[in-house]
Amino acid sequence: MPETDASPLHGGLFLDLDGTLADSLTALKNVYYSFLASFGASGDEVEFQRLNGPPLGEIIERLRMAHKLPGTPADLLQKYSAMVSQAQQSVRPAAGAHELLAHARACGLKIAVVTSSPKLSAQRWLAFGGLADEIDDVVGGDEVNAGKPAAEPYIRALRRLNCSAALSHAVEDSRIGAMSAVAAGLKTWALAPPNNRAGWPGQVAFIERLTDLLGRIPAC
């Protein structure tokens, strides 16, 4: 359920990581195909898009079942995680990331990353991408009981930063992530091109780039 604390709270900007703050979808897609190919299996775009958003452990379980992959879930997760970590070393911040974070900070918003990736992995990437100093907190997929599309990741972020959902904004690039933010009561922006705007929660507003938000989040 949405966060409803009646005490004076802050406004916040809460961003997904992969495909939103990090320009990483191409790298992650390569990991997905390479991981399956290592077992003699093949993936497709439809499956990859369905897996954009859930926690990594859930992704691995879905792949294990769908493709009858050998090995234990723990071993498969370790292998996939290592491949993702390697791929992230070449991923840069998305266009407009620095500008949006600076604007949000100047407007007095609290800033958090809310990701299905493990927290430590996200923190490492933020340091690599030069964004760590702009982020107040990271909520990782390994910290929650129910990952996206459940509301828990965003509710946890709101509570940690003492933010009001009604005063806060979320930015997501996946339908599953948007469902999570909407369920937590945040104003939700969907980073999606015009040809990818079907099947999203009805409450989202669409943008094509992060800098589109510079005139839409609260003015300083």
C-alpha atoms as a PDB file:
ATOM      1  CA  MET A   1       0.000   0.000   0.000  1.00  0.00           C
ATOM      2  CA  PRO A   2       1.220   3.579  -0.575  1.00  0.00           C
ATOM      3  CA  GLU A   3       3.224   5.292   2.127  1.00  0.00           C
ATOM      4  CA  THR A   4       0.919   7.515   4.192  1.00  0.00           C
ATOM      5  CA  ASP A   5       3.021   9.005   7.015  1.00  0.00           C
ATOM      6  CA  ALA A   6       1.306  12.264   8.094  1.00  0.00           C
ATOM      7  CA  SER A   7       4.452  13.910   9.511  1.00  0.00           C
ATOM      8  CA  PRO A   8       6.230  16.658   7.518  1.00  0.00           C
ATOM      9  CA  LEU A   9       8.109  14.881   4.757  1.00  0.00           C
ATOM     10  CA  HIS A  10      10.435  15.649   1.870  1.00  0.00           C
ATOM     11  CA  GLY A  11       9.908  15.390  -1.842  1.00  0.00           C
ATOM     12  CA  GLY A  12      12.054  12.876  -3.669  1.00  0.00           C
ATOM     13  CA  LEU A  13      13.289  11.717  -7.037  1.00  0.00           C
ATOM     14  CA  PHE A  14      13.528   7.924  -7.284  1.00  0.00           C
ATOM     15  CA  LEU A  15      15.158   6.368 -10.332  1.00  0.00           C
ATOM     16  CA  ASP A  16      15.513   2.864 -11.666  1.00  0.00           C
ATOM     17  CA  LEU A  17      19.078   1.964 -12.607  1.00  0.00           C
ATOM     18  CA  ASP A  18      19.404  -0.246 -15.693  1.00  0.00           C
ATOM     19  CA  GLY A  19      17.918   1.388 -18.761  1.00  0.00           C
ATOM     20  CA  THR A  20      17.033   4.543 -16.823  1.00  0.00           C
ATOM     21  CA  LEU A  21      19.975   6.102 -14.993  1.00  0.00           C
ATOM     22  CA  ALA A  22      22.452   3.724 -16.649  1.00  0.00           C
ATOM     23  CA  ASP A  23      22.552   3.282 -20.421  1.00  0.00           C
ATOM     24  CA  SER A  24      22.818  -0.452 -19.924  1.00  0.00           C
ATOM     25  CA  LEU A  25      20.023  -2.243 -21.762  1.00  0.00           C
ATOM     26  CA  THR A  26      22.202  -3.206 -24.719  1.00  0.00           C
ATOM     27  CA  ALA A  27      24.868  -4.611 -22.394  1.00  0.00           C
ATOM     28  CA  LEU A  28      22.272  -6.535 -20.376  1.00  0.00           C
ATOM     29  CA  LYS A  29      20.684  -7.905 -23.525  1.00  0.00           C
ATOM     30  CA  ASN A  30      24.083  -9.219 -24.603  1.00  0.00           C
ATOM     31  CA  VAL A  31      24.484 -10.890 -21.204  1.00  0.00           C
ATOM     32  CA  TYR A  32      21.065 -12.507 -21.548  1.00  0.00           C
ATOM     33  CA  TYR A  33      21.849 -13.983 -24.970  1.00  0.00           C
ATOM     34  CA  SER A  34      25.390 -15.026 -24.003  1.00  0.00           C
ATOM     35  CA  PHE A  35      24.233 -16.663 -20.780  1.00  0.00           C
ATOM     36  CA  LEU A  36      21.670 -18.792 -22.590  1.00  0.00           C
ATOM     37  CA  ALA A  37      24.069 -19.588 -25.431  1.00  0.00           C
ATOM     38  CA  SER A  38      26.560 -20.980 -22.897  1.00  0.00           C
ATOM     39  CA  PHE A  39      23.995 -23.723 -22.229  1.00  0.00           C
ATOM     40  CA  GLY A  40      23.116 -24.242 -25.874  1.00  0.00           C
ATOM     41  CA  ALA A  41      19.840 -22.349 -25.452  1.00  0.00           C
ATOM     42  CA  SER A  42      18.555 -19.332 -27.350  1.00  0.00           C
ATOM     43  CA  GLY A  43      16.546 -16.329 -26.233  1.00  0.00           C
ATOM     44  CA  ASP A  44      14.398 -13.749 -27.963  1.00  0.00           C
ATOM     45  CA  GLU A  45      13.417 -10.111 -27.634  1.00  0.00           C
ATOM     46  CA  VAL A  46       9.996 -10.870 -26.182  1.00  0.00           C
ATOM     47  CA  GLU A  47      11.443 -12.894 -23.305  1.00  0.00           C
ATOM     48  CA  PHE A  48      14.142 -10.313 -22.620  1.00  0.00           C
ATOM     49  CA  GLN A  49      11.556  -7.539 -22.342  1.00  0.00           C
ATOM     50  CA  ARG A  50       9.463  -9.639 -19.952  1.00  0.00           C
ATOM     51  CA  LEU A  51      12.545 -10.000 -17.762  1.00  0.00           C
ATOM     52  CA  ASN A  52      13.222  -6.255 -17.663  1.00  0.00           C
ATOM     53  CA  GLY A  53      12.354  -5.274 -14.095  1.00  0.00           C
ATOM     54  CA  PRO A  54      12.133  -8.274 -11.724  1.00  0.00           C
ATOM     55  CA  PRO A  55      14.879  -9.096  -9.186  1.00  0.00           C
ATOM     56  CA  LEU A  56      17.806 -11.065 -10.583  1.00  0.00           C
ATOM     57  CA  GLY A  57      16.967 -14.182  -8.588  1.00  0.00           C
ATOM     58  CA  GLU A  58      13.500 -14.265 -10.138  1.00  0.00           C
ATOM     59  CA  ILE A  59      14.978 -13.758 -13.618  1.00  0.00           C
ATOM     60  CA  ILE A  60      17.297 -16.727 -13.129  1.00  0.00           C
ATOM     61  CA  GLU A  61      14.485 -18.955 -11.905  1.00  0.00           C
ATOM     62  CA  ARG A  62      12.358 -18.073 -14.916  1.00  0.00           C
ATOM     63  CA  LEU A  63      15.234 -18.804 -17.289  1.00  0.00           C
ATOM     64  CA  ARG A  64      16.061 -22.043 -15.490  1.00  0.00           C
ATOM     65  CA  MET A  65      12.513 -23.303 -15.815  1.00  0.00           C
ATOM     66  CA  ALA A  66      11.818 -22.049 -19.343  1.00  0.00           C
ATOM     67  CA  HIS A  67      15.073 -23.354 -20.840  1.00  0.00           C
ATOM     68  CA  LYS A  68      15.636 -26.344 -18.509  1.00  0.00           C
ATOM     69  CA  LEU A  69      19.075 -25.056 -17.577  1.00  0.00           C
ATOM     70  CA  PRO A  70      21.370 -27.411 -15.674  1.00  0.00           C
ATOM     71  CA  GLY A  71      22.860 -26.504 -12.308  1.00  0.00           C
ATOM     72  CA  THR A  72      21.510 -25.158  -9.058  1.00  0.00           C
ATOM     73  CA  PRO A  73      19.740 -21.793  -8.859  1.00  0.00           C
ATOM     74  CA  ALA A  74      22.608 -20.503  -6.708  1.00  0.00           C
ATOM     75  CA  ASP A  75      25.237 -21.490  -9.272  1.00  0.00           C
ATOM     76  CA  LEU A  76      23.232 -20.024 -12.138  1.00  0.00           C
ATOM     77  CA  LEU A  77      22.708 -16.799 -10.216  1.00  0.00           C
ATOM     78  CA  GLN A  78      26.415 -16.533  -9.434  1.00  0.00           C
ATOM     79  CA  LYS A  79      27.312 -17.007 -13.107  1.00  0.00           C
ATOM     80  CA  TYR A  80      24.745 -14.507 -14.364  1.00  0.00           C
ATOM     81  CA  SER A  81      25.696 -11.949 -11.703  1.00  0.00           C
ATOM     82  CA  ALA A  82      29.360 -12.192 -12.664  1.00  0.00           C
ATOM     83  CA  MET A  83      28.477 -11.639 -16.316  1.00  0.00           C
ATOM     84  CA  VAL A  84      26.352  -8.607 -15.444  1.00  0.00           C
ATOM     85  CA  SER A  85      29.120  -7.134 -13.277  1.00  0.00           C
ATOM     86  CA  GLN A  86      31.613  -7.537 -16.103  1.00  0.00           C
ATOM     87  CA  ALA A  87      29.247  -5.947 -18.616  1.00  0.00           C
ATOM     88  CA  GLN A  88      28.509  -2.978 -16.341  1.00  0.00           C
ATOM     89  CA  GLN A  89      32.156  -1.959 -16.388  1.00  0.00           C
ATOM     90  CA  SER A  90      31.634  -0.505 -19.860  1.00  0.00           C
ATOM     91  CA  VAL A  91      28.219   1.085 -19.198  1.00  0.00           C
ATOM     92  CA  ARG A  92      28.001   4.856 -19.023  1.00  0.00           C
ATOM     93  CA  PRO A  93      25.341   7.081 -17.415  1.00  0.00           C
ATOM     94  CA  ALA A  94      22.315   7.714 -19.610  1.00  0.00           C
ATOM     95  CA  ALA A  95      22.209  10.968 -21.547  1.00  0.00           C
ATOM     96  CA  GLY A  96      21.033  13.749 -19.259  1.00  0.00           C
ATOM     97  CA  ALA A  97      21.657  11.829 -16.029  1.00  0.00           C
ATOM     98  CA  HIS A  98      24.084  14.357 -14.558  1.00  0.00           C
ATOM     99  CA  GLU A  99      21.865  17.285 -15.515  1.00  0.00           C
ATOM    100  CA  LEU A 100      18.726  15.770 -14.012  1.00  0.00           C
ATOM    101  CA  LEU A 101      20.408  14.829 -10.743  1.00  0.00           C
ATOM    102  CA  ALA A 102      21.942  18.300 -10.399  1.00  0.00           C
ATOM    103  CA  HIS A 103      18.547  19.898 -11.047  1.00  0.00           C
ATOM    104  CA  ALA A 104      16.815  17.656  -8.502  1.00  0.00           C
ATOM    105  CA  ARG A 105      19.463  18.424  -5.915  1.00  0.00           C
ATOM    106  CA  ALA A 106      19.132  22.171  -6.535  1.00  0.00           C
ATOM    107  CA  CYS A 107      15.380  21.833  -6.038  1.00  0.00           C
ATOM    108  CA  GLY A 108      15.919  20.233  -2.647  1.00  0.00           C
ATOM    109  CA  LEU A 109      14.707  16.767  -3.577  1.00  0.00           C
ATOM    110  CA  LYS A 110      16.040  13.639  -1.922  1.00  0.00           C
ATOM    111  CA  ILE A 111      17.439  11.239  -4.536  1.00  0.00           C
ATOM    112  CA  ALA A 112      17.502   7.451  -4.480  1.00  0.00           C
ATOM    113  CA  VAL A 113      18.104   4.604  -6.885  1.00  0.00           C
ATOM    114  CA  VAL A 114      15.465   1.867  -6.645  1.00  0.00           C
ATOM    115  CA  THR A 115      16.728  -1.148  -8.558  1.00  0.00           C
ATOM    116  CA  SER A 116      16.188  -4.866  -8.931  1.00  0.00           C
ATOM    117  CA  SER A 117      19.974  -5.289  -9.067  1.00  0.00           C
ATOM    118  CA  PRO A 118      21.853  -6.146  -5.850  1.00  0.00           C
ATOM    119  CA  LYS A 119      22.609  -3.038  -3.801  1.00  0.00           C
ATOM    120  CA  LEU A 120      26.386  -3.498  -3.824  1.00  0.00           C
ATOM    121  CA  SER A 121      26.422  -3.928  -7.587  1.00  0.00           C
ATOM    122  CA  ALA A 122      24.412  -0.728  -8.018  1.00  0.00           C
ATOM    123  CA  GLN A 123      26.682   1.195  -5.659  1.00  0.00           C
ATOM    124  CA  ARG A 124      29.755   0.037  -7.546  1.00  0.00           C
ATOM    125  CA  TRP A 125      28.294   1.194 -10.834  1.00  0.00           C
ATOM    126  CA  LEU A 126      27.292   4.572  -9.402  1.00  0.00           C
ATOM    127  CA  ALA A 127      30.872   5.101  -8.246  1.00  0.00           C
ATOM    128  CA  PHE A 128      32.197   4.005 -11.643  1.00  0.00           C
ATOM    129  CA  GLY A 129      29.762   6.315 -13.441  1.00  0.00           C
ATOM    130  CA  GLY A 130      30.626   9.314 -11.261  1.00  0.00           C
ATOM    131  CA  LEU A 131      27.109   9.574  -9.824  1.00  0.00           C
ATOM    132  CA  ALA A 132      27.587   8.229  -6.302  1.00  0.00           C
ATOM    133  CA  ASP A 133      27.885  11.670  -4.678  1.00  0.00           C
ATOM    134  CA  GLU A 134      24.510  12.692  -6.130  1.00  0.00           C
ATOM    135  CA  ILE A 135      22.591   9.760  -4.631  1.00  0.00           C
ATOM    136  CA  ASP A 136      21.274   9.733  -1.060  1.00  0.00           C
ATOM    137  CA  ASP A 137      20.412   6.043  -0.934  1.00  0.00           C
ATOM    138  CA  VAL A 138      20.138   2.840  -2.956  1.00  0.00           C
ATOM    139  CA  VAL A 139      17.412   0.237  -2.483  1.00  0.00           C
ATOM    140  CA  GLY A 140      18.557  -3.013  -4.078  1.00  0.00           C
ATOM    141  CA  GLY A 141      16.549  -6.010  -5.119  1.00  0.00           C
ATOM    142  CA  ASP A 142      18.367  -8.095  -2.516  1.00  0.00           C
ATOM    143  CA  GLU A 143      16.974  -5.927   0.298  1.00  0.00           C
ATOM    144  CA  VAL A 144      13.265  -6.505  -0.256  1.00  0.00           C
ATOM    145  CA  ASN A 145      10.941  -9.437   0.295  1.00  0.00           C
ATOM    146  CA  ALA A 146       8.788  -8.615  -2.729  1.00  0.00           C
ATOM    147  CA  GLY A 147      10.528  -7.014  -5.685  1.00  0.00           C
ATOM    148  CA  LYS A 148       9.051  -5.065  -8.565  1.00  0.00           C
ATOM    149  CA  PRO A 149       6.182  -4.984  -9.587  1.00  0.00           C
ATOM    150  CA  ALA A 150       5.290  -5.002  -5.872  1.00  0.00           C
ATOM    151  CA  ALA A 151       5.294  -1.609  -4.159  1.00  0.00           C
ATOM    152  CA  GLU A 152       7.795  -2.613  -1.462  1.00  0.00           C
ATOM    153  CA  PRO A 153      11.006  -1.300  -3.116  1.00  0.00           C
ATOM    154  CA  TYR A 154       9.586   2.218  -3.455  1.00  0.00           C
ATOM    155  CA  ILE A 155       7.889   2.172  -0.058  1.00  0.00           C
ATOM    156  CA  ARG A 156      11.214   1.221   1.496  1.00  0.00           C
ATOM    157  CA  ALA A 157      12.973   4.079  -0.337  1.00  0.00           C
ATOM    158  CA  LEU A 158      10.323   6.593   0.744  1.00  0.00           C
ATOM    159  CA  ARG A 159      10.648   5.579   4.383  1.00  0.00           C
ATOM    160  CA  ARG A 160      14.449   5.621   4.398  1.00  0.00           C
ATOM    161  CA  LEU A 161      14.591   9.169   3.051  1.00  0.00           C
ATOM    162  CA  ASN A 162      11.514  10.393   4.967  1.00  0.00           C
ATOM    163  CA  CYS A 163       9.789  11.317   1.720  1.00  0.00           C
ATOM    164  CA  SER A 164       6.112  11.660   0.881  1.00  0.00           C
ATOM    165  CA  ALA A 165       4.862   9.674  -2.093  1.00  0.00           C
ATOM    166  CA  ALA A 166       2.579  12.585  -2.987  1.00  0.00           C
ATOM    167  CA  LEU A 167       5.607  14.893  -3.262  1.00  0.00           C
ATOM    168  CA  SER A 168       7.859  12.429  -5.043  1.00  0.00           C
ATOM    169  CA  HIS A 169       8.617  11.305  -8.577  1.00  0.00           C
ATOM    170  CA  ALA A 170       9.753   7.957  -9.969  1.00  0.00           C
ATOM    171  CA  VAL A 171      11.425   7.312 -13.318  1.00  0.00           C
ATOM    172  CA  GLU A 172      11.247   3.844 -14.859  1.00  0.00           C
ATOM    173  CA  ASP A 173      11.960   2.286 -18.249  1.00  0.00           C
ATOM    174  CA  SER A 174       9.991  -0.944 -17.730  1.00  0.00           C
ATOM    175  CA  ARG A 175       6.312  -1.675 -17.238  1.00  0.00           C
ATOM    176  CA  ILE A 176       7.095  -3.830 -14.210  1.00  0.00           C
ATOM    177  CA  GLY A 177       9.051  -1.018 -12.602  1.00  0.00           C
ATOM    178  CA  ALA A 178       6.321   1.496 -13.360  1.00  0.00           C
ATOM    179  CA  MET A 179       3.755  -0.787 -11.746  1.00  0.00           C
ATOM    180  CA  SER A 180       5.867  -0.801  -8.576  1.00  0.00           C
ATOM    181  CA  ALA A 181       6.164   2.984  -8.416  1.00  0.00           C
ATOM    182  CA  VAL A 182       2.473   3.553  -9.174  1.00  0.00           C
ATOM    183  CA  ALA A 183       1.501   1.042  -6.481  1.00  0.00           C
ATOM    184  CA  ALA A 184       3.572   3.013  -3.969  1.00  0.00           C
ATOM    185  CA  GLY A 185       1.741   6.215  -4.871  1.00  0.00           C
ATOM    186  CA  LEU A 186       4.506   8.142  -6.652  1.00  0.00           C
ATOM    187  CA  LYS A 187       4.096  10.345  -9.704  1.00  0.00           C
ATOM    188  CA  THR A 188       5.598   7.981 -12.265  1.00  0.00           C
ATOM    189  CA  TRP A 189       7.423   8.888 -15.458  1.00  0.00           C
ATOM    190  CA  ALA A 190       7.938   6.217 -18.105  1.00  0.00           C
ATOM    191  CA  LEU A 191      11.099   6.566 -20.159  1.00  0.00           C
ATOM    192  CA  ALA A 192       9.841   5.075 -23.420  1.00  0.00           C
ATOM    193  CA  PRO A 193       9.827   5.974 -27.123  1.00  0.00           C
ATOM    194  CA  PRO A 194       6.477   6.626 -28.862  1.00  0.00           C
ATOM    195  CA  ASN A 195       6.438   3.099 -30.353  1.00  0.00           C
ATOM    196  CA  ASN A 196       6.661   1.466 -26.892  1.00  0.00           C
ATOM    197  CA  ARG A 197       3.752   2.982 -24.972  1.00  0.00           C
ATOM    198  CA  ALA A 198       1.156   0.232 -24.970  1.00  0.00           C
ATOM    199  CA  GLY A 199       0.434  -1.851 -21.885  1.00  0.00           C
ATOM    200  CA  TRP A 200       1.837   0.581 -19.310  1.00  0.00           C
ATOM    201  CA  PRO A 201      -0.067   1.489 -16.123  1.00  0.00           C
ATOM    202  CA  GLY A 202      -2.623   4.157 -16.962  1.00  0.00           C
ATOM    203  CA  GLN A 203      -1.215   6.563 -14.359  1.00  0.00           C
ATOM    204  CA  VAL A 204       2.207   7.039 -15.962  1.00  0.00           C
ATOM    205  CA  ALA A 205       3.343  10.071 -17.953  1.00  0.00           C
ATOM    206  CA  PHE A 206       5.760   9.453 -20.806  1.00  0.00           C
ATOM    207  CA  ILE A 207       9.118  11.044 -21.538  1.00  0.00           C
ATOM    208  CA  GLU A 208      11.708  10.249 -24.211  1.00  0.00           C
ATOM    209  CA  ARG A 209      14.833  11.421 -22.366  1.00  0.00           C
ATOM    210  CA  LEU A 210      15.819  12.277 -18.806  1.00  0.00           C
ATOM    211  CA  THR A 211      16.219  15.966 -19.613  1.00  0.00           C
ATOM    212  CA  ASP A 212      12.494  16.127 -20.434  1.00  0.00           C
ATOM    213  CA  LEU A 213      11.998  16.194 -16.651  1.00  0.00           C
ATOM    214  CA  LEU A 214      13.964  19.394 -16.086  1.00  0.00           C
ATOM    215  CA  GLY A 215      10.862  21.504 -16.576  1.00  0.00           C
ATOM    216  CA  ARG A 216       8.433  19.035 -15.058  1.00  0.00           C
ATOM    217  CA  ILE A 217       9.703  18.199 -11.591  1.00  0.00           C
ATOM    218  CA  PRO A 218       9.140  20.993  -9.030  1.00  0.00           C
ATOM    219  CA  ALA A 219      10.801  24.254  -9.935  1.00  0.00           C
ATOM    220  CA  CYS A 220      13.476  25.582  -7.620  1.00  0.00           C
END
